[in-house]
């Protein structure tokens, strides 16, 4: 969880910083289960954990596609998609998914004392639906902001290297949190995803 809090404050700002001080500061391992908190807090932390991987993945993918435009072409820009954004979203999803599963793997494997294969299976089971729900919420709001607001009002979508893009991305990440929270609630309630 140490990487989760700084990554989630990129979009959650003061609320996630306050959450860190309330529930996330370096709690000794032997006190973690007692300090987990109520179910809404546990789900908040689990959803934030998922969101940290998605946030880092989206940052890496968006800047990579800007620096290496061939990535977007390789993922369908011009051949499948007229709009570059949709090709880059494929890259966003892949990188966010891989990082989200890795974050989950490095939490679950040592916590449950699993073999590498068992740890990977458990991480996939715990975060697959959560990551998909996050990205759907994020893409949905980003599409509304970019195509229904920026394009209509300002004549074009905000480029990745603009403050407007990252301002919009903050709200999109909050939408991702909102769509992923109920999935995480279900995963925690059914025991698929552990308490964090």
N, C-alpha and C. Protein backbone atom coordinates (compact mmCIF):
# COMPACT_ATOMS: atom_id res chain seq x y z
N UNK A 1 0.82 -1.20 0.00
CA UNK A 1 0.00 0.00 0.00
C UNK A 1 0.86 1.27 0.00
N UNK A 2 2.16 1.15 0.21
CA UNK A 2 2.98 2.35 0.29
C UNK A 2 2.99 3.16 -1.00
N UNK A 3 2.91 2.51 -2.15
CA UNK A 3 2.83 3.24 -3.42
C UNK A 3 1.43 3.75 -3.71
N UNK A 4 0.44 3.10 -3.14
CA UNK A 4 -0.95 3.43 -3.44
C UNK A 4 -1.29 4.86 -3.06
N UNK A 5 -0.94 5.26 -1.87
CA UNK A 5 -1.37 6.57 -1.39
C UNK A 5 -0.81 7.72 -2.21
N UNK A 6 0.48 7.79 -2.52
CA UNK A 6 0.94 8.91 -3.35
C UNK A 6 0.33 8.88 -4.76
N UNK A 7 0.13 7.69 -5.32
CA UNK A 7 -0.45 7.60 -6.66
C UNK A 7 -1.91 8.06 -6.66
N UNK A 8 -2.66 7.68 -5.65
CA UNK A 8 -4.08 8.06 -5.63
C UNK A 8 -4.29 9.52 -5.26
N UNK A 9 -3.34 10.13 -4.57
CA UNK A 9 -3.49 11.57 -4.30
C UNK A 9 -3.32 12.39 -5.57
N UNK A 10 -2.78 11.78 -6.63
CA UNK A 10 -2.68 12.49 -7.91
C UNK A 10 -4.06 12.86 -8.45
N UNK A 11 -5.06 12.03 -8.17
CA UNK A 11 -6.41 12.37 -8.61
C UNK A 11 -7.34 12.69 -7.44
N UNK A 12 -7.10 12.10 -6.29
CA UNK A 12 -8.01 12.26 -5.17
C UNK A 12 -7.65 13.39 -4.23
N UNK A 13 -6.52 13.99 -4.44
CA UNK A 13 -6.00 15.14 -3.71
C UNK A 13 -6.24 15.04 -2.20
N UNK A 14 -6.90 16.03 -1.64
CA UNK A 14 -7.03 16.17 -0.20
C UNK A 14 -7.78 15.00 0.44
N UNK A 15 -8.81 14.48 -0.22
CA UNK A 15 -9.58 13.36 0.34
C UNK A 15 -8.68 12.13 0.53
N UNK A 16 -7.84 11.82 -0.46
CA UNK A 16 -6.97 10.65 -0.33
C UNK A 16 -5.82 10.92 0.64
N UNK A 17 -5.37 12.15 0.73
CA UNK A 17 -4.34 12.49 1.71
C UNK A 17 -4.90 12.31 3.13
N UNK A 18 -6.13 12.79 3.34
CA UNK A 18 -6.78 12.61 4.65
C UNK A 18 -7.00 11.12 4.93
N UNK A 19 -7.36 10.36 3.91
CA UNK A 19 -7.56 8.92 4.07
C UNK A 19 -6.26 8.23 4.46
N UNK A 20 -5.17 8.67 3.87
CA UNK A 20 -3.86 8.12 4.23
C UNK A 20 -3.59 8.35 5.71
N UNK A 21 -3.83 9.58 6.18
CA UNK A 21 -3.57 9.87 7.59
C UNK A 21 -4.51 9.09 8.51
N UNK A 22 -5.73 8.84 8.04
CA UNK A 22 -6.69 8.10 8.87
C UNK A 22 -6.45 6.59 8.85
N UNK A 23 -6.16 6.02 7.68
CA UNK A 23 -6.15 4.56 7.55
C UNK A 23 -4.90 3.96 6.92
N UNK A 24 -3.99 4.77 6.44
CA UNK A 24 -2.93 4.21 5.63
C UNK A 24 -1.51 4.36 6.12
N UNK A 25 -1.30 5.10 7.17
CA UNK A 25 0.07 5.30 7.63
C UNK A 25 0.68 3.97 8.03
N UNK A 26 1.95 3.89 7.95
CA UNK A 26 2.67 2.63 8.20
C UNK A 26 2.20 1.94 9.48
N UNK A 27 1.26 1.05 9.30
CA UNK A 27 0.72 0.27 10.41
C UNK A 27 1.56 -1.00 10.51
N UNK A 28 2.07 -1.32 11.70
CA UNK A 28 2.86 -2.55 11.83
C UNK A 28 2.06 -3.77 11.36
N UNK A 29 2.76 -4.72 10.76
CA UNK A 29 2.13 -5.90 10.17
C UNK A 29 1.21 -6.63 11.15
N UNK A 30 1.62 -6.75 12.41
CA UNK A 30 0.82 -7.49 13.39
C UNK A 30 -0.46 -6.75 13.80
N UNK A 31 -0.57 -5.47 13.47
CA UNK A 31 -1.76 -4.70 13.82
C UNK A 31 -2.68 -4.42 12.63
N UNK A 32 -2.30 -4.87 11.44
CA UNK A 32 -3.05 -4.52 10.23
C UNK A 32 -4.47 -5.05 10.21
N UNK A 33 -4.68 -6.29 10.60
CA UNK A 33 -6.03 -6.85 10.56
C UNK A 33 -6.96 -6.12 11.52
N UNK A 34 -6.45 -5.74 12.69
CA UNK A 34 -7.28 -5.00 13.65
C UNK A 34 -7.52 -3.57 13.20
N UNK A 35 -6.60 -3.02 12.42
CA UNK A 35 -6.71 -1.63 11.98
C UNK A 35 -7.42 -1.50 10.63
N UNK A 36 -7.90 -2.61 10.08
CA UNK A 36 -8.51 -2.59 8.75
C UNK A 36 -9.69 -1.63 8.68
N UNK A 37 -10.51 -1.59 9.72
CA UNK A 37 -11.63 -0.66 9.74
C UNK A 37 -12.93 -1.30 9.31
N UNK A 38 -13.92 -0.45 9.10
CA UNK A 38 -15.24 -0.91 8.69
C UNK A 38 -15.20 -1.35 7.22
N UNK A 39 -16.26 -2.03 6.80
CA UNK A 39 -16.32 -2.51 5.41
C UNK A 39 -16.17 -1.38 4.39
N UNK A 40 -16.84 -0.23 4.55
CA UNK A 40 -16.62 0.85 3.58
C UNK A 40 -15.16 1.30 3.50
N UNK A 41 -14.46 1.32 4.63
CA UNK A 41 -13.04 1.71 4.64
C UNK A 41 -12.20 0.64 3.95
N UNK A 42 -12.48 -0.62 4.24
CA UNK A 42 -11.75 -1.73 3.61
C UNK A 42 -11.93 -1.68 2.09
N UNK A 43 -13.16 -1.44 1.65
CA UNK A 43 -13.45 -1.37 0.21
C UNK A 43 -12.79 -0.14 -0.39
N UNK A 44 -12.81 0.98 0.33
CA UNK A 44 -12.14 2.20 -0.13
C UNK A 44 -10.66 1.93 -0.39
N UNK A 45 -10.02 1.26 0.57
CA UNK A 45 -8.59 0.97 0.42
C UNK A 45 -8.34 -0.02 -0.71
N UNK A 46 -9.19 -1.03 -0.84
CA UNK A 46 -9.04 -2.00 -1.93
C UNK A 46 -9.25 -1.36 -3.30
N UNK A 47 -10.24 -0.47 -3.39
CA UNK A 47 -10.49 0.23 -4.65
C UNK A 47 -9.34 1.18 -4.96
N UNK A 48 -8.82 1.83 -3.94
CA UNK A 48 -7.67 2.72 -4.14
C UNK A 48 -6.45 1.93 -4.61
N UNK A 49 -6.28 0.74 -4.07
CA UNK A 49 -5.17 -0.13 -4.48
C UNK A 49 -5.29 -0.43 -5.97
N UNK A 50 -6.49 -0.78 -6.41
CA UNK A 50 -6.75 -1.03 -7.83
C UNK A 50 -6.47 0.24 -8.64
N UNK A 51 -6.94 1.37 -8.13
CA UNK A 51 -6.78 2.64 -8.83
C UNK A 51 -5.35 3.10 -8.96
N UNK A 52 -4.51 2.72 -8.01
CA UNK A 52 -3.10 3.11 -8.10
C UNK A 52 -2.45 2.49 -9.33
N UNK A 53 -2.72 1.21 -9.56
CA UNK A 53 -2.18 0.56 -10.76
C UNK A 53 -2.75 1.16 -12.03
N UNK A 54 -4.04 1.46 -12.01
CA UNK A 54 -4.68 2.08 -13.18
C UNK A 54 -4.11 3.47 -13.43
N UNK A 55 -3.94 4.25 -12.38
CA UNK A 55 -3.40 5.60 -12.51
C UNK A 55 -1.99 5.58 -13.08
N UNK A 56 -1.12 4.78 -12.49
CA UNK A 56 0.25 4.70 -12.98
C UNK A 56 0.28 4.17 -14.41
N UNK A 57 -0.53 3.16 -14.69
CA UNK A 57 -0.60 2.61 -16.04
C UNK A 57 -1.04 3.62 -17.07
N UNK A 58 -2.05 4.41 -16.72
CA UNK A 58 -2.53 5.42 -17.66
C UNK A 58 -1.51 6.53 -17.87
N UNK A 59 -0.81 6.92 -16.83
CA UNK A 59 0.23 7.94 -16.98
C UNK A 59 1.34 7.42 -17.89
N UNK A 60 1.82 6.22 -17.64
CA UNK A 60 2.89 5.64 -18.45
C UNK A 60 2.44 5.47 -19.90
N UNK A 61 1.25 4.93 -20.11
CA UNK A 61 0.77 4.66 -21.46
C UNK A 61 0.52 5.95 -22.25
N UNK A 62 -0.11 6.93 -21.63
CA UNK A 62 -0.41 8.18 -22.34
C UNK A 62 0.87 8.88 -22.77
N UNK A 63 1.85 8.97 -21.88
CA UNK A 63 3.10 9.63 -22.24
C UNK A 63 3.91 8.80 -23.23
N UNK A 64 3.86 7.49 -23.11
CA UNK A 64 4.56 6.62 -24.07
C UNK A 64 3.99 6.80 -25.47
N UNK A 65 2.67 6.86 -25.57
CA UNK A 65 2.03 7.04 -26.88
C UNK A 65 2.33 8.41 -27.46
N UNK A 66 2.49 9.41 -26.60
CA UNK A 66 2.86 10.74 -27.09
C UNK A 66 4.30 10.74 -27.60
N UNK A 67 5.19 10.12 -26.85
CA UNK A 67 6.61 10.10 -27.23
C UNK A 67 6.90 9.14 -28.38
N UNK A 68 6.10 8.08 -28.49
CA UNK A 68 6.29 7.08 -29.54
C UNK A 68 4.96 6.87 -30.28
N UNK A 69 4.62 7.77 -31.21
CA UNK A 69 3.32 7.72 -31.90
C UNK A 69 3.06 6.40 -32.62
N UNK A 70 4.10 5.67 -32.95
CA UNK A 70 3.93 4.38 -33.61
C UNK A 70 3.15 3.39 -32.76
N UNK A 71 3.18 3.56 -31.45
CA UNK A 71 2.40 2.68 -30.57
C UNK A 71 0.91 2.78 -30.89
N UNK A 72 0.43 4.01 -31.08
CA UNK A 72 -0.99 4.21 -31.41
C UNK A 72 -1.32 3.63 -32.78
N UNK A 73 -0.41 3.80 -33.72
CA UNK A 73 -0.62 3.24 -35.07
C UNK A 73 -0.66 1.72 -34.98
N UNK A 74 0.26 1.15 -34.22
CA UNK A 74 0.31 -0.30 -34.06
C UNK A 74 -0.97 -0.84 -33.42
N UNK A 75 -1.60 -0.04 -32.57
CA UNK A 75 -2.83 -0.46 -31.88
C UNK A 75 -4.11 -0.04 -32.62
N UNK A 76 -3.98 0.37 -33.87
CA UNK A 76 -5.17 0.57 -34.69
C UNK A 76 -5.48 1.98 -35.13
N UNK A 77 -4.69 2.97 -34.74
CA UNK A 77 -4.94 4.33 -35.21
C UNK A 77 -4.73 4.35 -36.72
N UNK A 78 -5.63 4.87 -37.44
CA UNK A 78 -5.69 4.95 -38.91
C UNK A 78 -6.25 3.68 -39.54
N UNK A 79 -5.89 2.50 -39.04
CA UNK A 79 -6.41 1.27 -39.67
C UNK A 79 -7.76 0.86 -39.10
N UNK A 80 -7.97 1.06 -37.81
CA UNK A 80 -9.25 0.72 -37.16
C UNK A 80 -9.95 1.97 -36.66
N UNK A 81 -9.20 2.85 -36.02
CA UNK A 81 -9.76 4.06 -35.41
C UNK A 81 -9.32 5.31 -36.15
N UNK A 82 -10.27 6.18 -36.41
CA UNK A 82 -9.94 7.49 -36.97
C UNK A 82 -9.35 8.36 -35.87
N UNK A 83 -9.91 8.23 -34.69
CA UNK A 83 -9.49 9.02 -33.54
C UNK A 83 -8.36 8.30 -32.79
N UNK A 84 -7.24 8.96 -32.62
CA UNK A 84 -6.07 8.41 -31.94
C UNK A 84 -6.38 7.96 -30.52
N UNK A 85 -7.25 8.69 -29.85
CA UNK A 85 -7.59 8.43 -28.45
C UNK A 85 -7.97 6.97 -28.21
N UNK A 86 -8.77 6.40 -29.11
CA UNK A 86 -9.26 5.04 -28.89
C UNK A 86 -8.14 4.00 -28.98
N UNK A 87 -7.19 4.23 -29.86
CA UNK A 87 -6.04 3.32 -29.95
C UNK A 87 -5.19 3.42 -28.68
N UNK A 88 -5.02 4.64 -28.18
CA UNK A 88 -4.22 4.83 -26.97
C UNK A 88 -4.93 4.22 -25.76
N UNK A 89 -6.26 4.22 -25.76
CA UNK A 89 -6.98 3.60 -24.65
C UNK A 89 -6.70 2.10 -24.58
N UNK A 90 -6.43 1.48 -25.69
CA UNK A 90 -6.06 0.06 -25.67
C UNK A 90 -4.73 -0.10 -24.92
N UNK A 91 -3.78 0.76 -25.25
CA UNK A 91 -2.49 0.74 -24.55
C UNK A 91 -2.69 1.06 -23.06
N UNK A 92 -3.51 2.06 -22.77
CA UNK A 92 -3.81 2.40 -21.37
C UNK A 92 -4.31 1.18 -20.62
N UNK A 93 -5.26 0.48 -21.23
CA UNK A 93 -5.86 -0.68 -20.57
C UNK A 93 -4.81 -1.76 -20.31
N UNK A 94 -4.00 -2.05 -21.32
CA UNK A 94 -2.99 -3.11 -21.18
C UNK A 94 -2.01 -2.79 -20.05
N UNK A 95 -1.47 -1.57 -20.08
CA UNK A 95 -0.47 -1.20 -19.06
C UNK A 95 -1.11 -1.10 -17.68
N UNK A 96 -2.30 -0.51 -17.60
CA UNK A 96 -3.00 -0.41 -16.31
C UNK A 96 -3.34 -1.79 -15.76
N UNK A 97 -3.76 -2.69 -16.64
CA UNK A 97 -4.10 -4.04 -16.21
C UNK A 97 -2.88 -4.77 -15.67
N UNK A 98 -1.78 -4.70 -16.40
CA UNK A 98 -0.55 -5.38 -15.97
C UNK A 98 -0.07 -4.82 -14.63
N UNK A 99 -0.04 -3.50 -14.51
CA UNK A 99 0.42 -2.91 -13.25
C UNK A 99 -0.55 -3.19 -12.10
N UNK A 100 -1.85 -3.14 -12.38
CA UNK A 100 -2.83 -3.44 -11.34
C UNK A 100 -2.69 -4.86 -10.82
N UNK A 101 -2.49 -5.80 -11.73
CA UNK A 101 -2.31 -7.19 -11.32
C UNK A 101 -1.00 -7.36 -10.56
N UNK A 102 0.06 -6.68 -11.01
CA UNK A 102 1.34 -6.75 -10.29
C UNK A 102 1.21 -6.19 -8.88
N UNK A 103 0.53 -5.04 -8.73
CA UNK A 103 0.32 -4.47 -7.40
C UNK A 103 -0.42 -5.47 -6.52
N UNK A 104 -1.46 -6.09 -7.07
CA UNK A 104 -2.25 -7.05 -6.31
C UNK A 104 -1.41 -8.29 -5.98
N UNK A 105 -0.63 -8.75 -6.95
CA UNK A 105 0.23 -9.92 -6.76
C UNK A 105 1.18 -9.71 -5.58
N UNK A 106 1.85 -8.55 -5.56
CA UNK A 106 2.83 -8.30 -4.51
C UNK A 106 2.18 -8.02 -3.15
N UNK A 107 0.87 -7.84 -3.13
CA UNK A 107 0.14 -7.76 -1.86
C UNK A 107 -0.34 -9.14 -1.42
N UNK A 108 -0.94 -9.87 -2.35
CA UNK A 108 -1.57 -11.16 -2.03
C UNK A 108 -0.56 -12.27 -1.77
N UNK A 109 0.45 -12.38 -2.61
CA UNK A 109 1.39 -13.51 -2.50
C UNK A 109 2.03 -13.60 -1.12
N UNK A 110 2.65 -12.53 -0.62
CA UNK A 110 3.25 -12.66 0.72
C UNK A 110 2.21 -12.74 1.84
N UNK A 111 1.08 -12.04 1.66
CA UNK A 111 0.05 -12.02 2.71
C UNK A 111 -0.54 -13.41 2.93
N UNK A 112 -0.71 -14.15 1.83
CA UNK A 112 -1.32 -15.49 1.93
C UNK A 112 -0.28 -16.61 1.83
N UNK A 113 1.00 -16.23 1.70
CA UNK A 113 2.09 -17.21 1.58
C UNK A 113 1.84 -18.19 0.43
N UNK A 114 1.63 -17.64 -0.77
CA UNK A 114 1.30 -18.44 -1.95
C UNK A 114 2.52 -18.65 -2.83
N UNK A 115 2.46 -19.69 -3.66
CA UNK A 115 3.49 -19.89 -4.68
C UNK A 115 3.30 -18.80 -5.74
N UNK A 116 4.31 -18.57 -6.61
CA UNK A 116 4.15 -17.56 -7.66
C UNK A 116 2.92 -17.79 -8.54
N UNK A 117 2.67 -19.03 -8.94
CA UNK A 117 1.51 -19.33 -9.79
C UNK A 117 0.21 -19.08 -9.05
N UNK A 118 0.14 -19.54 -7.81
CA UNK A 118 -1.06 -19.32 -7.00
C UNK A 118 -1.28 -17.82 -6.75
N UNK A 119 -0.19 -17.10 -6.53
CA UNK A 119 -0.27 -15.66 -6.31
C UNK A 119 -0.80 -14.93 -7.53
N UNK A 120 -0.33 -15.33 -8.71
CA UNK A 120 -0.81 -14.70 -9.94
C UNK A 120 -2.29 -14.99 -10.16
N UNK A 121 -2.69 -16.24 -9.93
CA UNK A 121 -4.12 -16.60 -10.07
C UNK A 121 -4.98 -15.79 -9.09
N UNK A 122 -4.52 -15.71 -7.86
CA UNK A 122 -5.28 -14.97 -6.84
C UNK A 122 -5.36 -13.48 -7.19
N UNK A 123 -4.26 -12.92 -7.71
CA UNK A 123 -4.26 -11.51 -8.10
C UNK A 123 -5.22 -11.26 -9.26
N UNK A 124 -5.20 -12.15 -10.24
CA UNK A 124 -6.13 -12.02 -11.38
C UNK A 124 -7.58 -12.11 -10.91
N UNK A 125 -7.83 -13.07 -10.04
CA UNK A 125 -9.19 -13.27 -9.53
C UNK A 125 -9.64 -12.05 -8.72
N UNK A 126 -8.74 -11.49 -7.94
CA UNK A 126 -9.09 -10.37 -7.06
C UNK A 126 -9.26 -9.06 -7.80
N UNK A 127 -8.53 -8.85 -8.88
CA UNK A 127 -8.53 -7.52 -9.48
C UNK A 127 -9.02 -7.43 -10.92
N UNK A 128 -9.28 -8.54 -11.58
CA UNK A 128 -9.71 -8.48 -12.99
C UNK A 128 -10.95 -7.60 -13.15
N UNK A 129 -12.02 -7.93 -12.44
CA UNK A 129 -13.28 -7.19 -12.58
C UNK A 129 -13.14 -5.76 -12.08
N UNK A 130 -12.34 -5.58 -11.04
CA UNK A 130 -12.13 -4.26 -10.47
C UNK A 130 -11.44 -3.33 -11.46
N UNK A 131 -10.41 -3.82 -12.12
CA UNK A 131 -9.67 -3.01 -13.10
C UNK A 131 -10.55 -2.70 -14.30
N UNK A 132 -11.29 -3.69 -14.78
CA UNK A 132 -12.18 -3.47 -15.92
C UNK A 132 -13.22 -2.39 -15.57
N UNK A 133 -13.82 -2.49 -14.38
CA UNK A 133 -14.81 -1.50 -13.96
C UNK A 133 -14.19 -0.11 -13.85
N UNK A 134 -12.98 -0.04 -13.32
CA UNK A 134 -12.29 1.24 -13.18
C UNK A 134 -12.08 1.87 -14.56
N UNK A 135 -11.54 1.10 -15.48
CA UNK A 135 -11.23 1.64 -16.80
C UNK A 135 -12.50 2.05 -17.55
N UNK A 136 -13.59 1.31 -17.38
CA UNK A 136 -14.85 1.69 -18.02
C UNK A 136 -15.32 3.05 -17.51
N UNK A 137 -15.30 3.24 -16.21
CA UNK A 137 -15.69 4.53 -15.65
C UNK A 137 -14.78 5.65 -16.10
N UNK A 138 -13.49 5.37 -16.10
CA UNK A 138 -12.52 6.39 -16.51
C UNK A 138 -12.70 6.76 -17.98
N UNK A 139 -12.78 5.74 -18.85
CA UNK A 139 -12.95 6.02 -20.28
C UNK A 139 -14.26 6.73 -20.55
N UNK A 140 -15.31 6.32 -19.85
CA UNK A 140 -16.62 6.94 -20.06
C UNK A 140 -16.60 8.43 -19.80
N UNK A 141 -16.08 8.82 -18.64
CA UNK A 141 -16.06 10.25 -18.34
C UNK A 141 -15.05 10.98 -19.21
N UNK A 142 -13.92 10.35 -19.50
CA UNK A 142 -12.93 11.00 -20.36
C UNK A 142 -13.53 11.24 -21.75
N UNK A 143 -14.32 10.30 -22.25
CA UNK A 143 -14.98 10.48 -23.56
C UNK A 143 -15.96 11.64 -23.51
N UNK A 144 -16.73 11.73 -22.45
CA UNK A 144 -17.69 12.84 -22.31
C UNK A 144 -16.94 14.17 -22.28
N UNK A 145 -15.90 14.26 -21.47
CA UNK A 145 -15.15 15.52 -21.35
C UNK A 145 -14.47 15.87 -22.67
N UNK A 146 -13.77 14.90 -23.25
CA UNK A 146 -13.00 15.18 -24.47
C UNK A 146 -13.88 15.46 -25.69
N UNK A 147 -14.87 14.58 -25.91
CA UNK A 147 -15.63 14.66 -27.17
C UNK A 147 -16.91 15.50 -27.08
N UNK A 148 -17.52 15.55 -25.91
CA UNK A 148 -18.75 16.33 -25.79
C UNK A 148 -18.53 17.72 -25.22
N UNK A 149 -17.43 17.91 -24.52
CA UNK A 149 -17.17 19.23 -23.97
C UNK A 149 -16.02 19.91 -24.71
N UNK A 150 -14.80 19.39 -24.57
CA UNK A 150 -13.65 20.05 -25.18
C UNK A 150 -13.77 20.21 -26.69
N UNK A 151 -14.16 19.15 -27.37
CA UNK A 151 -14.22 19.19 -28.83
C UNK A 151 -15.27 20.19 -29.31
N UNK A 152 -16.43 20.21 -28.64
CA UNK A 152 -17.50 21.12 -29.05
C UNK A 152 -17.22 22.57 -28.65
N UNK A 153 -16.73 22.76 -27.45
CA UNK A 153 -16.55 24.12 -26.94
C UNK A 153 -15.23 24.73 -27.40
N UNK A 154 -14.17 23.93 -27.43
CA UNK A 154 -12.84 24.46 -27.74
C UNK A 154 -12.33 24.07 -29.12
N UNK A 155 -13.12 23.29 -29.86
CA UNK A 155 -12.74 22.94 -31.23
C UNK A 155 -11.82 21.75 -31.37
N UNK A 156 -11.51 21.08 -30.29
CA UNK A 156 -10.66 19.90 -30.36
C UNK A 156 -10.47 19.31 -28.98
N UNK A 157 -9.97 18.08 -28.96
CA UNK A 157 -9.74 17.44 -27.67
C UNK A 157 -8.43 17.96 -27.07
N UNK A 158 -8.31 17.86 -25.77
CA UNK A 158 -7.10 18.31 -25.09
C UNK A 158 -5.97 17.31 -25.34
N UNK A 159 -4.81 17.80 -25.77
CA UNK A 159 -3.69 16.88 -25.98
C UNK A 159 -3.09 16.43 -24.65
N UNK A 160 -2.41 15.30 -24.68
CA UNK A 160 -1.84 14.70 -23.47
C UNK A 160 -0.88 15.66 -22.77
N UNK A 161 -0.16 16.44 -23.52
CA UNK A 161 0.83 17.33 -22.92
C UNK A 161 0.23 18.68 -22.52
N UNK A 162 -1.05 18.69 -22.17
CA UNK A 162 -1.70 19.93 -21.72
C UNK A 162 -2.25 19.76 -20.31
N UNK A 163 -2.31 20.85 -19.56
CA UNK A 163 -2.90 20.77 -18.22
C UNK A 163 -4.38 20.38 -18.28
N UNK A 164 -5.07 20.78 -19.35
CA UNK A 164 -6.49 20.46 -19.48
C UNK A 164 -6.72 18.94 -19.53
N UNK A 165 -5.84 18.24 -20.23
CA UNK A 165 -5.97 16.79 -20.32
C UNK A 165 -5.87 16.16 -18.93
N UNK A 166 -4.86 16.57 -18.17
CA UNK A 166 -4.64 15.95 -16.87
C UNK A 166 -5.66 16.42 -15.84
N UNK A 167 -6.20 17.61 -16.02
CA UNK A 167 -7.32 18.07 -15.19
C UNK A 167 -8.52 17.17 -15.43
N UNK A 168 -8.82 16.91 -16.70
CA UNK A 168 -9.92 16.01 -17.06
C UNK A 168 -9.65 14.60 -16.55
N UNK A 169 -8.40 14.17 -16.63
CA UNK A 169 -8.05 12.82 -16.19
C UNK A 169 -8.29 12.65 -14.69
N UNK A 170 -8.10 13.71 -13.91
CA UNK A 170 -8.38 13.60 -12.47
C UNK A 170 -9.85 13.24 -12.24
N UNK A 171 -10.74 13.91 -12.94
CA UNK A 171 -12.17 13.61 -12.80
C UNK A 171 -12.49 12.22 -13.35
N UNK A 172 -11.83 11.85 -14.42
CA UNK A 172 -12.04 10.52 -15.00
C UNK A 172 -11.60 9.43 -14.03
N UNK A 173 -10.51 9.66 -13.32
CA UNK A 173 -10.05 8.68 -12.32
C UNK A 173 -11.05 8.57 -11.17
N UNK A 174 -11.65 9.69 -10.78
CA UNK A 174 -12.69 9.64 -9.75
C UNK A 174 -13.90 8.85 -10.25
N UNK A 175 -14.22 9.00 -11.53
CA UNK A 175 -15.30 8.20 -12.12
C UNK A 175 -14.93 6.72 -12.11
N UNK A 176 -13.67 6.42 -12.40
CA UNK A 176 -13.19 5.04 -12.33
C UNK A 176 -13.32 4.48 -10.93
N UNK A 177 -12.98 5.29 -9.94
CA UNK A 177 -13.14 4.86 -8.55
C UNK A 177 -14.61 4.55 -8.26
N UNK A 178 -15.49 5.43 -8.73
CA UNK A 178 -16.92 5.27 -8.49
C UNK A 178 -17.48 4.00 -9.12
N UNK A 179 -17.04 3.66 -10.32
CA UNK A 179 -17.55 2.45 -10.98
C UNK A 179 -16.90 1.18 -10.44
N UNK A 180 -15.71 1.31 -9.89
CA UNK A 180 -15.00 0.14 -9.37
C UNK A 180 -15.37 -0.17 -7.91
N UNK A 181 -15.80 0.82 -7.17
CA UNK A 181 -16.11 0.64 -5.75
C UNK A 181 -17.14 -0.47 -5.52
N UNK A 182 -18.29 -0.48 -6.23
CA UNK A 182 -19.26 -1.57 -5.99
C UNK A 182 -18.71 -2.96 -6.31
N UNK A 183 -17.87 -3.05 -7.33
CA UNK A 183 -17.25 -4.33 -7.68
C UNK A 183 -16.33 -4.77 -6.55
N UNK A 184 -15.55 -3.84 -6.03
CA UNK A 184 -14.66 -4.16 -4.91
C UNK A 184 -15.44 -4.54 -3.66
N UNK A 185 -16.57 -3.90 -3.46
CA UNK A 185 -17.44 -4.25 -2.32
C UNK A 185 -17.83 -5.72 -2.42
N UNK A 186 -18.28 -6.10 -3.60
CA UNK A 186 -18.69 -7.49 -3.83
C UNK A 186 -17.50 -8.45 -3.65
N UNK A 187 -16.35 -8.09 -4.20
CA UNK A 187 -15.16 -8.94 -4.09
C UNK A 187 -14.71 -9.12 -2.65
N UNK A 188 -14.77 -8.06 -1.86
CA UNK A 188 -14.38 -8.14 -0.45
C UNK A 188 -15.43 -8.94 0.34
N UNK A 189 -16.71 -8.67 0.09
CA UNK A 189 -17.79 -9.37 0.82
C UNK A 189 -17.77 -10.88 0.58
N UNK A 190 -17.40 -11.27 -0.65
CA UNK A 190 -17.37 -12.70 -0.98
C UNK A 190 -16.03 -13.35 -0.65
N UNK A 191 -15.06 -12.56 -0.18
CA UNK A 191 -13.77 -13.10 0.21
C UNK A 191 -12.80 -13.31 -0.94
N UNK A 192 -13.18 -12.87 -2.14
CA UNK A 192 -12.27 -13.00 -3.29
C UNK A 192 -11.10 -12.04 -3.12
N UNK A 193 -11.39 -10.86 -2.63
CA UNK A 193 -10.35 -9.85 -2.41
C UNK A 193 -10.18 -9.68 -0.91
N UNK A 194 -8.93 -9.69 -0.47
CA UNK A 194 -8.66 -9.61 0.96
C UNK A 194 -8.77 -8.20 1.51
N UNK A 195 -8.80 -8.11 2.82
CA UNK A 195 -8.85 -6.82 3.50
C UNK A 195 -7.48 -6.17 3.42
N UNK A 196 -7.50 -4.87 3.18
CA UNK A 196 -6.23 -4.13 3.10
C UNK A 196 -6.17 -3.11 4.20
